[in-house]
Amino acid sequence: MKHEIKGTIMQVVEINLKKGETIYSEAGGMSWMTDNINMHTEAKGGFMKSIGRMFSGESFFLVNYTCQSNEGKVVFSNEFPGKILNFNLKDGESIICQKDSFMVAEQGVTLETHFRKKLGTGLFGGEGFILQKVSGPGNAFLEANGEIVEQDLKPGEVLKIDPGHIAFYEPQVQYNLTTIKGIKNVLFGGEGLFLAELIGPGKVWLQSMPLSNLANKLIPYLPKATSKGTSINFGRD
């Protein structure tokens, strides 16, 4: 399997398959493909795993794409402005991801639901209790919001982060919550009550534009309902 990631802000990953090679993605993930690619939809892993995928932001059904002759091509697009990252995972190697990050992977890659061990971290961490876990062997393609910054944490090194900026991290990284100190910081600092605390060793991938931040910025520009119908507001009040 060969691939190429194209574009800058709204990227696509173009995957070239030889005869008999198969990849899979969530339902509705494919953008375009050649005529010799066969699609097969299934509830991969059975009913319970499929239900778990839905809670982690993916579809109940997954779609297999198999090349039927010579060479074929399947292309997948970003759902929002950001980056596509390729992880070539070894057997037993895993990455923990934010919800709805998974795009497409080789057949050997396993997509699972990942629960944060501490209930408080899930309830107040800003991105929910349920994440995704992608495990090798094979290539997996994940998408993140905005630009990506990699941090390689040393043993015991601590990084405090607005939880929405966490895209992916290695399983050995500890994820905790810490409260913001100072009542004025909590009430007027704009970061809320909690920050995420990531403790090394391990690698962390941070994203510059969480979708929650983008949504909050767009709210003033969305159409507003009135008693006579819907009015469109193109500026701030």
C-alpha atoms as a PDB file:
ATOM      1  CA  MET A   1       0.000   0.000   0.000  1.00  0.00           C
ATOM      2  CA  LYS A   2       1.304   3.413  -1.016  1.00  0.00           C
ATOM      3  CA  HIS A   3      -0.110   6.734   0.094  1.00  0.00           C
ATOM      4  CA  GLU A   4       0.332  10.475  -0.318  1.00  0.00           C
ATOM      5  CA  ILE A   5      -1.050  13.269   1.877  1.00  0.00           C
ATOM      6  CA  LYS A   6      -1.889  16.316  -0.262  1.00  0.00           C
ATOM      7  CA  GLY A   7      -2.929  19.867   0.516  1.00  0.00           C
ATOM      8  CA  THR A   8      -2.348  22.336   3.325  1.00  0.00           C
ATOM      9  CA  ILE A   9      -5.460  23.495   5.227  1.00  0.00           C
ATOM     10  CA  MET A  10      -8.033  20.959   3.943  1.00  0.00           C
ATOM     11  CA  GLN A  11      -5.892  17.903   3.277  1.00  0.00           C
ATOM     12  CA  VAL A  12      -6.655  14.621   1.544  1.00  0.00           C
ATOM     13  CA  VAL A  13      -4.895  11.276   1.782  1.00  0.00           C
ATOM     14  CA  GLU A  14      -4.626   9.384  -1.508  1.00  0.00           C
ATOM     15  CA  ILE A  15      -4.161   5.639  -1.004  1.00  0.00           C
ATOM     16  CA  ASN A  16      -3.006   3.415  -3.873  1.00  0.00           C
ATOM     17  CA  LEU A  17      -3.883  -0.266  -3.554  1.00  0.00           C
ATOM     18  CA  LYS A  18      -2.640  -3.272  -5.452  1.00  0.00           C
ATOM     19  CA  LYS A  19      -4.927  -6.165  -6.395  1.00  0.00           C
ATOM     20  CA  GLY A  20      -6.235  -7.879  -3.236  1.00  0.00           C
ATOM     21  CA  GLU A  21      -5.186  -5.119  -0.817  1.00  0.00           C
ATOM     22  CA  THR A  22      -7.875  -3.810   1.570  1.00  0.00           C
ATOM     23  CA  ILE A  23      -8.292  -0.761   3.794  1.00  0.00           C
ATOM     24  CA  TYR A  24     -11.259   0.273   5.951  1.00  0.00           C
ATOM     25  CA  SER A  25     -12.840   3.522   7.141  1.00  0.00           C
ATOM     26  CA  GLU A  26     -15.925   4.797   8.927  1.00  0.00           C
ATOM     27  CA  ALA A  27     -19.149   4.916   6.909  1.00  0.00           C
ATOM     28  CA  GLY A  28     -19.260   7.965   4.649  1.00  0.00           C
ATOM     29  CA  GLY A  29     -15.525   8.610   4.925  1.00  0.00           C
ATOM     30  CA  MET A  30     -14.555   8.047   1.279  1.00  0.00           C
ATOM     31  CA  SER A  31     -14.308  11.072  -1.057  1.00  0.00           C
ATOM     32  CA  TRP A  32     -13.564   9.428  -4.439  1.00  0.00           C
ATOM     33  CA  MET A  33     -12.136   6.189  -5.822  1.00  0.00           C
ATOM     34  CA  THR A  34     -11.356   4.354  -9.041  1.00  0.00           C
ATOM     35  CA  ASP A  35     -13.842   1.952 -10.649  1.00  0.00           C
ATOM     36  CA  ASN A  36     -11.944  -1.208  -9.682  1.00  0.00           C
ATOM     37  CA  ILE A  37     -12.409  -0.702  -5.922  1.00  0.00           C
ATOM     38  CA  ASN A  38     -15.009  -2.931  -4.269  1.00  0.00           C
ATOM     39  CA  MET A  39     -16.903  -1.681  -1.183  1.00  0.00           C
ATOM     40  CA  HIS A  40     -18.091  -4.019   1.574  1.00  0.00           C
ATOM     41  CA  THR A  41     -19.905  -2.626   4.641  1.00  0.00           C
ATOM     42  CA  GLU A  42     -19.937  -4.532   7.929  1.00  0.00           C
ATOM     43  CA  ALA A  43     -20.313  -4.120  11.691  1.00  0.00           C
ATOM     44  CA  LYS A  44     -16.632  -4.848  12.223  1.00  0.00           C
ATOM     45  CA  GLY A  45     -15.857  -6.652  15.499  1.00  0.00           C
ATOM     46  CA  GLY A  46     -19.480  -7.489  16.284  1.00  0.00           C
ATOM     47  CA  PHE A  47     -22.400  -5.644  17.878  1.00  0.00           C
ATOM     48  CA  MET A  48     -20.804  -4.533  21.172  1.00  0.00           C
ATOM     49  CA  LYS A  49     -17.630  -3.154  19.572  1.00  0.00           C
ATOM     50  CA  SER A  50     -19.740  -1.366  16.980  1.00  0.00           C
ATOM     51  CA  ILE A  51     -21.817   0.263  19.724  1.00  0.00           C
ATOM     52  CA  GLY A  52     -18.597   1.302  21.458  1.00  0.00           C
ATOM     53  CA  ARG A  53     -17.358   2.949  18.264  1.00  0.00           C
ATOM     54  CA  MET A  54     -20.506   5.067  18.120  1.00  0.00           C
ATOM     55  CA  PHE A  55     -19.796   6.425  21.628  1.00  0.00           C
ATOM     56  CA  SER A  56     -16.266   7.334  20.518  1.00  0.00           C
ATOM     57  CA  GLY A  57     -17.566   9.395  17.596  1.00  0.00           C
ATOM     58  CA  GLU A  58     -17.359   6.834  14.776  1.00  0.00           C
ATOM     59  CA  SER A  59     -20.054   5.015  12.801  1.00  0.00           C
ATOM     60  CA  PHE A  60     -21.672   1.701  13.775  1.00  0.00           C
ATOM     61  CA  PHE A  61     -20.707   0.262  10.373  1.00  0.00           C
ATOM     62  CA  LEU A  62     -17.239   0.317   8.832  1.00  0.00           C
ATOM     63  CA  VAL A  63     -16.535   0.068   5.114  1.00  0.00           C
ATOM     64  CA  ASN A  64     -13.854  -2.148   3.536  1.00  0.00           C
ATOM     65  CA  TYR A  65     -12.297  -1.033   0.231  1.00  0.00           C
ATOM     66  CA  THR A  66     -10.598  -3.795  -1.779  1.00  0.00           C
ATOM     67  CA  CYS A  67      -8.760  -3.438  -5.077  1.00  0.00           C
ATOM     68  CA  GLN A  68     -10.125  -5.942  -7.611  1.00  0.00           C
ATOM     69  CA  SER A  69      -7.526  -5.634 -10.391  1.00  0.00           C
ATOM     70  CA  ASN A  70      -4.157  -4.083 -11.185  1.00  0.00           C
ATOM     71  CA  GLU A  71      -3.916  -0.883  -9.101  1.00  0.00           C
ATOM     72  CA  GLY A  72      -6.712   1.207  -7.612  1.00  0.00           C
ATOM     73  CA  LYS A  73      -7.033   4.456  -5.732  1.00  0.00           C
ATOM     74  CA  VAL A  74      -9.178   5.609  -2.778  1.00  0.00           C
ATOM     75  CA  VAL A  75      -9.115   9.181  -1.440  1.00  0.00           C
ATOM     76  CA  PHE A  76     -10.261  10.455   1.963  1.00  0.00           C
ATOM     77  CA  SER A  77     -10.692  14.122   2.960  1.00  0.00           C
ATOM     78  CA  ASN A  78     -10.434  16.140   6.150  1.00  0.00           C
ATOM     79  CA  GLU A  79     -13.827  16.943   7.679  1.00  0.00           C
ATOM     80  CA  PHE A  80     -12.550  20.299   8.996  1.00  0.00           C
ATOM     81  CA  PRO A  81      -9.486  22.558   8.609  1.00  0.00           C
ATOM     82  CA  GLY A  82      -6.536  20.641   9.989  1.00  0.00           C
ATOM     83  CA  LYS A  83      -3.940  17.964   9.366  1.00  0.00           C
ATOM     84  CA  ILE A  84      -3.872  14.279   8.454  1.00  0.00           C
ATOM     85  CA  LEU A  85      -1.213  12.221  10.221  1.00  0.00           C
ATOM     86  CA  ASN A  86       0.002   8.759   9.254  1.00  0.00           C
ATOM     87  CA  PHE A  87       0.999   6.376  12.053  1.00  0.00           C
ATOM     88  CA  ASN A  88       2.866   3.257  10.936  1.00  0.00           C
ATOM     89  CA  LEU A  89       2.149   1.133  14.003  1.00  0.00           C
ATOM     90  CA  LYS A  90       4.057  -1.995  14.906  1.00  0.00           C
ATOM     91  CA  ASP A  91       2.364  -5.097  16.321  1.00  0.00           C
ATOM     92  CA  GLY A  92       1.104  -4.145  19.803  1.00  0.00           C
ATOM     93  CA  GLU A  93       1.888  -0.443  19.361  1.00  0.00           C
ATOM     94  CA  SER A  94      -1.031   1.936  20.067  1.00  0.00           C
ATOM     95  CA  ILE A  95      -2.074   5.583  19.970  1.00  0.00           C
ATOM     96  CA  ILE A  96      -4.813   7.172  22.116  1.00  0.00           C
ATOM     97  CA  CYS A  97      -6.909   9.670  20.120  1.00  0.00           C
ATOM     98  CA  GLN A  98      -9.595  12.259  20.618  1.00  0.00           C
ATOM     99  CA  LYS A  99     -13.123  11.314  19.549  1.00  0.00           C
ATOM    100  CA  ASP A 100     -13.821  11.162  15.811  1.00  0.00           C
ATOM    101  CA  SER A 101     -10.117  11.275  14.808  1.00  0.00           C
ATOM    102  CA  PHE A 102      -9.992   7.995  12.918  1.00  0.00           C
ATOM    103  CA  MET A 103     -10.054   8.244   9.120  1.00  0.00           C
ATOM    104  CA  VAL A 104      -8.807   5.044   7.478  1.00  0.00           C
ATOM    105  CA  ALA A 105      -6.434   2.158   8.173  1.00  0.00           C
ATOM    106  CA  GLU A 106      -5.047  -1.109   6.880  1.00  0.00           C
ATOM    107  CA  GLN A 107      -6.870  -4.309   7.807  1.00  0.00           C
ATOM    108  CA  GLY A 108      -4.338  -5.250  10.502  1.00  0.00           C
ATOM    109  CA  VAL A 109      -5.097  -2.103  12.520  1.00  0.00           C
ATOM    110  CA  THR A 110      -7.585  -2.380  15.381  1.00  0.00           C
ATOM    111  CA  LEU A 111      -9.957   0.484  16.273  1.00  0.00           C
ATOM    112  CA  GLU A 112     -11.275   0.310  19.850  1.00  0.00           C
ATOM    113  CA  THR A 113     -13.059   2.435  22.403  1.00  0.00           C
ATOM    114  CA  HIS A 114     -10.773   3.781  25.127  1.00  0.00           C
ATOM    115  CA  PHE A 115     -12.131   4.742  28.554  1.00  0.00           C
ATOM    116  CA  ARG A 116     -10.260   7.158  30.765  1.00  0.00           C
ATOM    117  CA  LYS A 117      -9.441   5.373  34.006  1.00  0.00           C
ATOM    118  CA  LYS A 118     -10.398   8.229  36.294  1.00  0.00           C
ATOM    119  CA  LEU A 119     -14.077   9.208  36.168  1.00  0.00           C
ATOM    120  CA  GLY A 120     -13.297  12.812  37.094  1.00  0.00           C
ATOM    121  CA  THR A 121     -10.914  13.113  34.158  1.00  0.00           C
ATOM    122  CA  GLY A 122     -13.690  12.001  31.825  1.00  0.00           C
ATOM    123  CA  LEU A 123     -16.449  14.145  33.314  1.00  0.00           C
ATOM    124  CA  PHE A 124     -14.497  17.385  33.552  1.00  0.00           C
ATOM    125  CA  GLY A 125     -11.712  16.917  31.011  1.00  0.00           C
ATOM    126  CA  GLY A 126     -13.544  18.817  28.303  1.00  0.00           C
ATOM    127  CA  GLU A 127     -13.489  16.039  25.672  1.00  0.00           C
ATOM    128  CA  GLY A 128     -15.561  13.377  27.441  1.00  0.00           C
ATOM    129  CA  PHE A 129     -14.938  10.030  29.106  1.00  0.00           C
ATOM    130  CA  ILE A 130     -14.636   7.979  25.909  1.00  0.00           C
ATOM    131  CA  LEU A 131     -11.711   8.234  23.493  1.00  0.00           C
ATOM    132  CA  GLN A 132     -10.351   6.029  20.696  1.00  0.00           C
ATOM    133  CA  LYS A 133      -7.478   3.570  20.738  1.00  0.00           C
ATOM    134  CA  VAL A 134      -5.802   2.605  17.477  1.00  0.00           C
ATOM    135  CA  SER A 135      -3.429  -0.394  17.588  1.00  0.00           C
ATOM    136  CA  GLY A 136      -1.087  -2.006  15.058  1.00  0.00           C
ATOM    137  CA  PRO A 137       0.217  -3.628  13.047  1.00  0.00           C
ATOM    138  CA  GLY A 138      -0.319  -1.395  10.034  1.00  0.00           C
ATOM    139  CA  ASN A 139      -0.796   2.149   8.787  1.00  0.00           C
ATOM    140  CA  ALA A 140      -3.523   4.292  10.346  1.00  0.00           C
ATOM    141  CA  PHE A 141      -4.508   7.795   9.260  1.00  0.00           C
ATOM    142  CA  LEU A 142      -5.864  10.203  11.873  1.00  0.00           C
ATOM    143  CA  GLU A 143      -7.101  13.776  11.551  1.00  0.00           C
ATOM    144  CA  ALA A 144      -6.589  16.693  13.930  1.00  0.00           C
ATOM    145  CA  ASN A 145      -7.929  20.249  14.120  1.00  0.00           C
ATOM    146  CA  GLY A 146      -5.707  23.101  12.972  1.00  0.00           C
ATOM    147  CA  GLU A 147      -1.927  22.781  13.117  1.00  0.00           C
ATOM    148  CA  ILE A 148      -0.101  20.010  14.995  1.00  0.00           C
ATOM    149  CA  VAL A 149       2.664  20.501  17.564  1.00  0.00           C
ATOM    150  CA  GLU A 150       4.570  17.449  18.847  1.00  0.00           C
ATOM    151  CA  GLN A 151       5.890  17.291  22.390  1.00  0.00           C
ATOM    152  CA  ASP A 152       8.235  14.503  23.517  1.00  0.00           C
ATOM    153  CA  LEU A 153       7.914  14.386  27.302  1.00  0.00           C
ATOM    154  CA  LYS A 154      10.766  13.077  29.427  1.00  0.00           C
ATOM    155  CA  PRO A 155      10.085  10.816  32.462  1.00  0.00           C
ATOM    156  CA  GLY A 156       8.273  12.905  35.059  1.00  0.00           C
ATOM    157  CA  GLU A 157       7.978  15.958  32.806  1.00  0.00           C
ATOM    158  CA  VAL A 158       4.577  17.662  33.170  1.00  0.00           C
ATOM    159  CA  LEU A 159       2.658  19.649  30.558  1.00  0.00           C
ATOM    160  CA  LYS A 160      -0.525  21.539  31.528  1.00  0.00           C
ATOM    161  CA  ILE A 161      -2.972  21.937  28.650  1.00  0.00           C
ATOM    162  CA  ASP A 162      -6.459  23.149  27.831  1.00  0.00           C
ATOM    163  CA  PRO A 163      -8.000  19.656  27.277  1.00  0.00           C
ATOM    164  CA  GLY A 164      -9.424  20.523  23.845  1.00  0.00           C
ATOM    165  CA  HIS A 165      -5.896  20.938  22.471  1.00  0.00           C
ATOM    166  CA  ILE A 166      -4.986  17.275  23.067  1.00  0.00           C
ATOM    167  CA  ALA A 167      -5.187  15.362  19.764  1.00  0.00           C
ATOM    168  CA  PHE A 168      -3.238  12.130  20.377  1.00  0.00           C
ATOM    169  CA  TYR A 169      -0.845  10.695  22.928  1.00  0.00           C
ATOM    170  CA  GLU A 170       1.068   7.479  23.556  1.00  0.00           C
ATOM    171  CA  PRO A 171      -0.510   5.056  26.073  1.00  0.00           C
ATOM    172  CA  GLN A 172       2.343   5.364  28.585  1.00  0.00           C
ATOM    173  CA  VAL A 173       1.629   9.080  29.063  1.00  0.00           C
ATOM    174  CA  GLN A 174      -0.365   9.723  32.253  1.00  0.00           C
ATOM    175  CA  TYR A 175      -3.478  11.892  31.855  1.00  0.00           C
ATOM    176  CA  ASN A 176      -4.761  13.707  34.950  1.00  0.00           C
ATOM    177  CA  LEU A 177      -6.777  16.819  35.732  1.00  0.00           C
ATOM    178  CA  THR A 178      -5.520  19.679  37.847  1.00  0.00           C
ATOM    179  CA  THR A 179      -7.532  22.610  39.192  1.00  0.00           C
ATOM    180  CA  ILE A 180      -6.587  26.159  38.326  1.00  0.00           C
ATOM    181  CA  LYS A 181      -5.385  27.990  41.392  1.00  0.00           C
ATOM    182  CA  GLY A 182      -6.769  31.381  42.396  1.00  0.00           C
ATOM    183  CA  ILE A 183     -10.421  32.399  42.430  1.00  0.00           C
ATOM    184  CA  LYS A 184      -9.827  35.298  40.009  1.00  0.00           C
ATOM    185  CA  ASN A 185      -8.101  32.932  37.575  1.00  0.00           C
ATOM    186  CA  VAL A 186     -11.074  30.556  37.740  1.00  0.00           C
ATOM    187  CA  LEU A 187     -13.739  33.267  37.356  1.00  0.00           C
ATOM    188  CA  PHE A 188     -12.053  35.610  34.913  1.00  0.00           C
ATOM    189  CA  GLY A 189      -9.119  33.728  33.360  1.00  0.00           C
ATOM    190  CA  GLY A 190     -11.251  32.144  30.647  1.00  0.00           C
ATOM    191  CA  GLU A 191      -9.863  28.612  31.142  1.00  0.00           C
ATOM    192  CA  GLY A 192     -12.581  27.319  33.484  1.00  0.00           C
ATOM    193  CA  LEU A 193     -11.826  25.261  36.576  1.00  0.00           C
ATOM    194  CA  PHE A 194      -9.627  22.464  35.188  1.00  0.00           C
ATOM    195  CA  LEU A 195      -6.563  21.951  33.032  1.00  0.00           C
ATOM    196  CA  ALA A 196      -5.292  18.639  31.668  1.00  0.00           C
ATOM    197  CA  GLU A 197      -1.997  17.425  33.062  1.00  0.00           C
ATOM    198  CA  LEU A 198       0.065  15.123  30.859  1.00  0.00           C
ATOM    199  CA  ILE A 199       3.021  13.402  32.528  1.00  0.00           C
ATOM    200  CA  GLY A 200       5.871  11.746  30.636  1.00  0.00           C
ATOM    201  CA  PRO A 201       7.520   9.710  29.391  1.00  0.00           C
ATOM    202  CA  GLY A 202       5.942   9.645  25.969  1.00  0.00           C
ATOM    203  CA  LYS A 203       4.952  11.648  22.923  1.00  0.00           C
ATOM    204  CA  VAL A 204       1.971  14.001  22.732  1.00  0.00           C
ATOM    205  CA  TRP A 205       0.402  15.588  19.634  1.00  0.00           C
ATOM    206  CA  LEU A 206      -1.347  18.906  20.317  1.00  0.00           C
ATOM    207  CA  GLN A 207      -3.830  20.634  17.997  1.00  0.00           C
ATOM    208  CA  SER A 208      -4.066  24.394  17.608  1.00  0.00           C
ATOM    209  CA  MET A 209      -7.799  24.702  16.874  1.00  0.00           C
ATOM    210  CA  PRO A 210     -10.221  22.559  18.930  1.00  0.00           C
ATOM    211  CA  LEU A 211     -13.632  22.346  17.251  1.00  0.00           C
ATOM    212  CA  SER A 212     -15.302  23.591  20.446  1.00  0.00           C
ATOM    213  CA  ASN A 213     -13.302  26.840  20.210  1.00  0.00           C
ATOM    214  CA  LEU A 214     -14.180  27.240  16.530  1.00  0.00           C
ATOM    215  CA  ALA A 215     -17.882  26.625  17.243  1.00  0.00           C
ATOM    216  CA  ASN A 216     -17.926  29.280  19.972  1.00  0.00           C
ATOM    217  CA  LYS A 217     -16.375  31.821  17.602  1.00  0.00           C
ATOM    218  CA  LEU A 218     -18.989  31.078  14.912  1.00  0.00           C
ATOM    219  CA  ILE A 219     -22.053  31.401  17.178  1.00  0.00           C
ATOM    220  CA  PRO A 220     -22.417  35.207  16.748  1.00  0.00           C
ATOM    221  CA  TYR A 221     -22.573  34.757  12.961  1.00  0.00           C
ATOM    222  CA  LEU A 222     -25.170  31.959  12.832  1.00  0.00           C
ATOM    223  CA  PRO A 223     -28.788  32.654  11.791  1.00  0.00           C
ATOM    224  CA  LYS A 224     -30.999  33.602  14.721  1.00  0.00           C
ATOM    225  CA  ALA A 225     -34.596  32.458  15.114  1.00  0.00           C
ATOM    226  CA  THR A 226     -37.269  35.185  15.465  1.00  0.00           C
ATOM    227  CA  SER A 227     -41.026  35.148  15.971  1.00  0.00           C
ATOM    228  CA  LYS A 228     -41.448  35.687  12.209  1.00  0.00           C
ATOM    229  CA  GLY A 229     -38.964  33.032  11.156  1.00  0.00           C
ATOM    230  CA  THR A 230     -35.196  33.020  10.807  1.00  0.00           C
ATOM    231  CA  SER A 231     -33.106  36.142  10.487  1.00  0.00           C
ATOM    232  CA  ILE A 232     -29.528  36.029   9.216  1.00  0.00           C
ATOM    233  CA  ASN A 233     -26.950  38.048  11.080  1.00  0.00           C
ATOM    234  CA  PHE A 234     -23.676  38.601   9.229  1.00  0.00           C
ATOM    235  CA  GLY A 235     -22.016  40.630  11.963  1.00  0.00           C
ATOM    236  CA  ARG A 236     -21.770  40.893  15.697  1.00  0.00           C
ATOM    237  CA  ASP A 237     -24.567  42.438  17.727  1.00  0.00           C
END
